[in-house]
Amino acid sequence: MKTLFVSDLDGTLLTRHECLSAYSIEHLNALIQKGLPFTFATARAVTSALHALRGLEIRLPAVYYNGGLIFDVNTREILRAVLFGEEEKKYVLSVLQAHGIDPVVFGADSARERLVWHVGKENAGVERYLARRKSDPRLTPVYSDEALLTGSAFYFKCIGPRAQLESAWDILKMDPRFICIFHQETYQNDFWMEISPHAATKASAVRFLKEKLGCETLVCFGDSANDSDMFDVCDKKYAVRNADDWLKEKATGVIGYCEEDGVAKWLDENAGF
C-alpha cells in the first residue's frame, strides 16, 4: 500500500531558526533516495519554502499558500491554483480596513509571484516580517489600494495585536467564501490571520496530491491551526510535541519536538524504508 507522507514546515519540520537541521537533511534525503514518497504542505510561498529547505532533495510536488498553490519545483509546473475573485478581494480588504488592518497580499502577475503591501501603512509586525525578507524577489511595494489588489491573489496575511485581528476574524470566519486562520506566529509574539479562498486548504491539496501520485493512504505531521483540516483527511496524523494541545487531541500520536528532529526520527523508525 503506497503511502504519501506530508509534513508542515514551520514549527514541525523546521527548527526555530527556520531551517532544517543537518540530521533531518541527511536522514530525509536517505529515505527519499530509497523511494519514500515525502512532501510538505506550508503557508509559505515557493521561494520562502525552498530557502528554508536548502539541502533537501525535493522530488514531489508540494503545497504552498496553505493550499492555494500546488507546484512541482522539478518540472516548474503549477498543478493547481486557487485564487480570489475580484469582488472577493475587494470585500476582504474592506473588512480588514474597517478594523484598522492593512494586509500583505500574496499572489502573482503575468511575470512573477508577488508579495504586496501598501507603503506607509506597515505596523510593527509587518515591518519585522518584511525586514526578514529584504532580498526576496517577490517584494512589491505599492502606494494605493487599487495597486494592492492588482493581479491574481492567493491569500491575505495580517499581522498585529490579538484583539484587533480577532475583531475582523469574527466576521470573515463566518463567510463561506473564505478560509480564515487565526493563530500566534511561530517565531514572534505577533498574532497572524491568514485569509484564503474556501477551496484553498491543506486538506483539499493533500487529497489532490494523493490521487495525482497514485497513493492509497495519507500520513501527515503538524503543529498548529493551519494543519487542522489536513489532520481531518489523513489516515494517520502526528503532532510534534511542541504542537497546540487541542491538535494533539486530534492526532493519532505525538512525536518528538521540531527542535529534536521529531519528523525525521519518526520516519526513520516507522516509514518502512
Protein backbone atom coordinates (compact mmCIF):
# COMPACT_ATOMS: atom_id res chain seq x y z
CA MET A 1 0.00 0.00 0.00
CA LYS A 2 1.62 3.26 -1.16
CA THR A 3 1.57 5.96 1.49
CA LEU A 4 2.17 9.66 0.93
CA PHE A 5 3.89 11.38 3.85
CA VAL A 6 3.24 15.13 4.18
CA SER A 7 4.78 17.48 6.73
CA ASP A 8 4.02 21.03 7.72
CA LEU A 9 7.15 23.21 7.83
CA ASP A 10 7.26 25.94 10.49
CA GLY A 11 7.07 24.52 13.97
CA THR A 12 7.01 20.96 12.62
CA LEU A 13 9.82 20.06 10.22
CA LEU A 14 11.85 23.26 10.61
CA THR A 15 13.74 24.41 13.67
CA ARG A 16 13.25 27.78 15.38
CA HIS A 17 15.96 29.09 13.03
CA GLU A 18 13.58 28.47 10.09
CA CYS A 19 15.72 25.76 8.52
CA LEU A 20 16.30 22.02 8.54
CA SER A 21 18.87 20.57 10.89
CA ALA A 22 21.83 18.66 9.44
CA TYR A 23 20.34 15.49 10.92
CA SER A 24 16.98 15.96 9.20
CA ILE A 25 18.61 16.77 5.85
CA GLU A 26 20.80 13.67 5.99
CA HIS A 27 18.09 11.27 7.12
CA LEU A 28 15.27 12.61 4.97
CA ASN A 29 17.46 12.58 1.88
CA ALA A 30 18.46 8.98 2.60
CA LEU A 31 14.80 7.99 2.87
CA ILE A 32 13.85 9.90 -0.29
CA GLN A 33 16.66 8.21 -2.21
CA LYS A 34 15.23 4.86 -1.12
CA GLY A 35 11.85 5.85 -2.55
CA LEU A 36 9.97 7.43 0.36
CA PRO A 37 7.04 9.47 -1.05
CA PHE A 38 7.62 12.60 1.07
CA THR A 39 6.49 16.17 0.54
CA PHE A 40 5.30 19.18 2.51
CA ALA A 41 2.32 21.49 2.95
CA THR A 42 3.05 25.02 4.11
CA ALA A 43 1.66 28.52 4.34
CA ARG A 44 4.92 29.71 2.81
CA ALA A 45 5.39 30.75 -0.79
CA VAL A 46 7.60 28.74 -3.11
CA THR A 47 10.72 30.90 -2.74
CA SER A 48 10.43 31.07 1.04
CA ALA A 49 9.85 27.33 1.43
CA LEU A 50 12.74 26.34 -0.81
CA HIS A 51 15.06 28.72 1.05
CA ALA A 52 14.11 27.10 4.37
CA LEU A 53 14.58 23.60 2.91
CA ARG A 54 18.06 24.15 1.46
CA GLY A 55 19.80 20.79 1.14
CA LEU A 56 16.64 18.69 0.94
CA GLU A 57 16.20 16.66 -2.26
CA ILE A 58 12.63 17.59 -3.14
CA ARG A 59 11.27 15.18 -5.73
CA LEU A 60 7.49 15.54 -5.41
CA PRO A 61 5.09 18.44 -5.91
CA ALA A 62 4.32 20.34 -2.72
CA VAL A 63 1.58 22.50 -1.23
CA TYR A 64 2.13 26.25 -0.77
CA TYR A 65 0.00 29.16 0.49
CA ASN A 66 -1.97 26.81 2.79
CA GLY A 67 -3.35 25.01 -0.26
CA GLY A 68 -3.64 27.95 -2.64
CA LEU A 69 -0.92 26.55 -4.90
CA ILE A 70 0.39 23.08 -5.73
CA PHE A 71 3.69 23.37 -7.56
CA ASP A 72 6.33 20.95 -8.83
CA VAL A 73 9.75 22.59 -8.48
CA ASN A 74 11.36 19.96 -10.69
CA THR A 75 9.13 20.44 -13.72
CA ARG A 76 8.19 24.08 -12.87
CA GLU A 77 4.57 23.06 -13.34
CA ILE A 78 1.60 24.53 -11.46
CA LEU A 79 -0.69 21.59 -10.78
CA ARG A 80 -3.42 23.59 -9.07
CA ALA A 81 -4.04 27.22 -8.14
CA VAL A 82 -6.97 28.57 -6.10
CA LEU A 83 -7.48 32.33 -6.47
CA PHE A 84 -9.73 35.04 -5.07
CA GLY A 85 -12.33 36.56 -7.38
CA GLU A 86 -12.16 40.32 -7.92
CA GLU A 87 -15.15 41.10 -5.70
CA GLU A 88 -13.91 38.73 -3.02
CA LYS A 89 -10.57 40.56 -2.85
CA LYS A 90 -12.29 43.92 -2.50
CA TYR A 91 -14.62 42.65 0.20
CA VAL A 92 -11.83 41.13 2.29
CA LEU A 93 -9.82 44.35 2.09
CA SER A 94 -12.84 46.44 3.09
CA VAL A 95 -13.45 44.32 6.21
CA LEU A 96 -9.79 44.46 7.20
CA GLN A 97 -9.51 48.21 6.72
CA ALA A 98 -12.72 48.78 8.70
CA HIS A 99 -10.80 47.26 11.64
CA GLY A 100 -7.63 49.24 11.02
CA ILE A 101 -5.77 46.31 9.44
CA ASP A 102 -3.55 46.72 6.41
CA PRO A 103 -2.64 43.30 4.98
CA VAL A 104 0.16 41.82 2.95
CA VAL A 105 -1.33 40.27 -0.21
CA PHE A 106 0.28 37.23 -1.83
CA GLY A 107 -0.34 36.46 -5.46
CA ALA A 108 1.08 36.70 -8.95
CA ASP A 109 1.02 38.72 -12.11
CA SER A 110 2.00 37.54 -15.57
CA ALA A 111 5.71 37.73 -14.76
CA ARG A 112 6.24 36.53 -11.19
CA GLU A 113 4.95 35.87 -7.70
CA ARG A 114 4.18 38.99 -5.71
CA LEU A 115 4.23 39.91 -2.03
CA VAL A 116 2.40 43.24 -1.99
CA TRP A 117 1.95 45.83 0.75
CA HIS A 118 0.81 49.45 0.95
CA VAL A 119 3.85 51.59 1.73
CA GLY A 120 3.37 53.83 4.75
CA LYS A 121 0.73 51.61 6.33
CA GLU A 122 3.06 48.98 7.83
CA ASN A 123 2.62 48.22 11.54
CA ALA A 124 5.49 46.90 13.66
CA GLY A 125 4.65 43.25 12.90
CA VAL A 126 4.56 43.82 9.15
CA GLU A 127 7.81 45.77 9.33
CA ARG A 128 9.50 42.83 11.08
CA TYR A 129 8.05 40.42 8.52
CA LEU A 130 9.32 42.48 5.58
CA ALA A 131 12.72 43.12 7.18
CA ARG A 132 13.37 39.37 7.27
CA ARG A 133 12.77 39.24 3.51
CA LYS A 134 14.78 42.20 2.20
CA SER A 135 16.24 40.23 -0.70
CA ASP A 136 13.01 38.43 -1.59
CA PRO A 137 12.32 38.96 -5.32
CA ARG A 138 8.57 38.85 -4.65
CA LEU A 139 8.58 42.13 -2.68
CA THR A 140 6.25 44.60 -4.41
CA PRO A 141 5.66 47.90 -2.62
CA VAL A 142 2.61 49.82 -3.83
CA TYR A 143 1.01 53.14 -2.98
CA SER A 144 -2.73 52.59 -3.42
CA ASP A 145 -5.44 50.08 -2.55
CA GLU A 146 -6.07 49.55 -6.26
CA ALA A 147 -2.46 48.51 -6.80
CA LEU A 148 -2.60 46.31 -3.69
CA LEU A 149 -5.26 44.17 -5.36
CA THR A 150 -3.81 44.10 -8.89
CA GLY A 151 -3.25 40.65 -10.35
CA SER A 152 -4.12 37.21 -9.02
CA ALA A 153 -4.18 36.72 -5.24
CA PHE A 154 -3.75 33.50 -3.25
CA TYR A 155 -4.22 34.90 0.24
CA PHE A 156 -4.07 37.81 2.63
CA LYS A 157 -1.72 37.83 5.60
CA CYS A 158 -2.47 40.12 8.53
CA ILE A 159 -0.06 40.68 11.42
CA GLY A 160 -0.83 42.56 14.61
CA PRO A 161 -2.30 42.60 18.11
CA ARG A 162 -4.65 39.78 19.01
CA ALA A 163 -7.72 41.91 19.80
CA GLN A 164 -7.53 43.88 16.55
CA LEU A 165 -7.16 40.83 14.32
CA GLU A 166 -9.77 38.87 16.23
CA SER A 167 -12.42 41.52 15.58
CA ALA A 168 -12.03 41.07 11.81
CA TRP A 169 -11.66 37.28 12.17
CA ASP A 170 -15.07 37.12 13.88
CA ILE A 171 -16.62 38.47 10.67
CA LEU A 172 -14.57 36.74 7.98
CA LYS A 173 -14.60 33.29 9.58
CA MET A 174 -18.39 33.19 9.16
CA ASP A 175 -18.27 33.89 5.42
CA PRO A 176 -18.50 30.58 3.48
CA ARG A 177 -16.40 32.01 0.65
CA PHE A 178 -13.25 32.07 2.77
CA ILE A 179 -10.95 30.06 4.99
CA CYS A 180 -9.76 32.27 7.82
CA ILE A 181 -6.98 31.02 10.13
CA PHE A 182 -6.05 32.92 13.30
CA HIS A 183 -3.02 31.98 15.39
CA GLN A 184 0.08 33.23 17.16
CA GLU A 185 3.16 33.50 14.96
CA THR A 186 5.66 30.69 15.43
CA TYR A 187 8.79 32.80 15.88
CA GLN A 188 7.45 36.07 17.41
CA ASN A 189 4.76 37.29 19.82
CA ASP A 190 2.66 38.68 16.97
CA PHE A 191 -0.69 37.21 16.03
CA TRP A 192 -1.39 36.31 12.42
CA MET A 193 -4.60 35.99 10.44
CA GLU A 194 -4.50 34.33 7.03
CA ILE A 195 -7.45 34.52 4.63
CA SER A 196 -7.75 32.22 1.61
CA PRO A 197 -10.47 31.23 -0.85
CA HIS A 198 -12.63 28.44 0.57
CA ALA A 199 -11.19 25.75 -1.70
CA ALA A 200 -7.60 26.65 -0.74
CA THR A 201 -6.99 24.28 2.15
CA LYS A 202 -4.22 21.90 3.02
CA ALA A 203 -6.90 19.19 3.23
CA SER A 204 -8.07 19.57 -0.37
CA ALA A 205 -4.47 19.96 -1.57
CA VAL A 206 -3.10 16.80 0.05
CA ARG A 207 -6.08 14.80 -1.21
CA PHE A 208 -5.35 16.14 -4.70
CA LEU A 209 -1.72 15.02 -4.38
CA LYS A 210 -2.75 11.63 -3.03
CA GLU A 211 -4.79 10.97 -6.17
CA LYS A 212 -2.27 12.60 -8.52
CA LEU A 213 0.58 10.45 -7.18
CA GLY A 214 -1.45 7.24 -7.04
CA CYS A 215 -1.19 6.80 -3.27
CA GLU A 216 -3.72 4.92 -1.16
CA THR A 217 -3.10 6.41 2.28
CA LEU A 218 -2.02 9.73 3.75
CA VAL A 219 0.16 10.35 6.81
CA CYS A 220 0.78 13.92 7.94
CA PHE A 221 2.67 15.89 10.58
CA GLY A 222 1.77 19.28 12.05
CA ASP A 223 1.76 21.67 14.97
CA SER A 224 -0.92 24.36 14.75
CA ALA A 225 -4.20 25.73 13.44
CA ASN A 226 -3.34 25.68 9.76
CA ASP A 227 -2.75 21.92 9.98
CA SER A 228 -6.14 21.10 11.50
CA ASP A 229 -8.07 20.48 8.27
CA MET A 230 -5.18 18.37 6.94
CA PHE A 231 -5.42 16.22 10.07
CA ASP A 232 -9.12 15.71 9.33
CA VAL A 233 -8.49 13.97 5.98
CA CYS A 234 -5.33 11.97 6.70
CA ASP A 235 -5.41 8.31 7.66
CA LYS A 236 -2.79 8.91 10.34
CA LYS A 237 -1.71 12.25 11.72
CA TYR A 238 1.07 13.07 14.13
CA ALA A 239 1.55 16.20 16.21
CA VAL A 240 5.03 17.26 17.24
CA ARG A 241 5.48 17.62 21.00
CA ASN A 242 5.53 21.42 20.75
CA ALA A 243 2.13 21.43 18.96
CA ASP A 244 -1.02 23.07 20.29
CA ASP A 245 -2.69 20.84 22.88
CA TRP A 246 -6.00 20.72 21.02
CA LEU A 247 -4.22 19.48 17.87
CA LYS A 248 -2.54 16.74 19.88
CA GLU A 249 -6.03 15.56 20.85
CA LYS A 250 -6.88 15.11 17.14
CA ALA A 251 -3.64 13.27 16.43
CA THR A 252 -3.01 9.56 16.03
CA GLY A 253 0.05 10.13 18.20
CA VAL A 254 2.54 12.69 19.48
CA ILE A 255 6.13 12.58 18.22
CA GLY A 256 9.33 14.44 19.16
CA TYR A 257 9.85 18.19 19.19
CA CYS A 258 10.60 20.08 15.99
CA GLU A 259 13.90 21.11 17.59
CA GLU A 260 14.78 17.44 18.06
CA ASP A 261 14.07 16.21 14.50
CA GLY A 262 10.77 14.63 15.51
CA VAL A 263 9.51 14.08 11.95
CA ALA A 264 12.76 12.66 10.56
CA LYS A 265 13.22 10.32 13.51
CA TRP A 266 9.62 9.08 13.27
CA LEU A 267 10.06 8.38 9.56
CA ASP A 268 13.36 6.57 10.24
CA GLU A 269 11.60 4.26 12.65
CA ASN A 270 8.18 3.84 11.08
CA ALA A 271 8.12 4.55 7.33
CA GLY A 272 9.38 1.10 6.39
CA PHE A 273 12.30 2.23 4.22
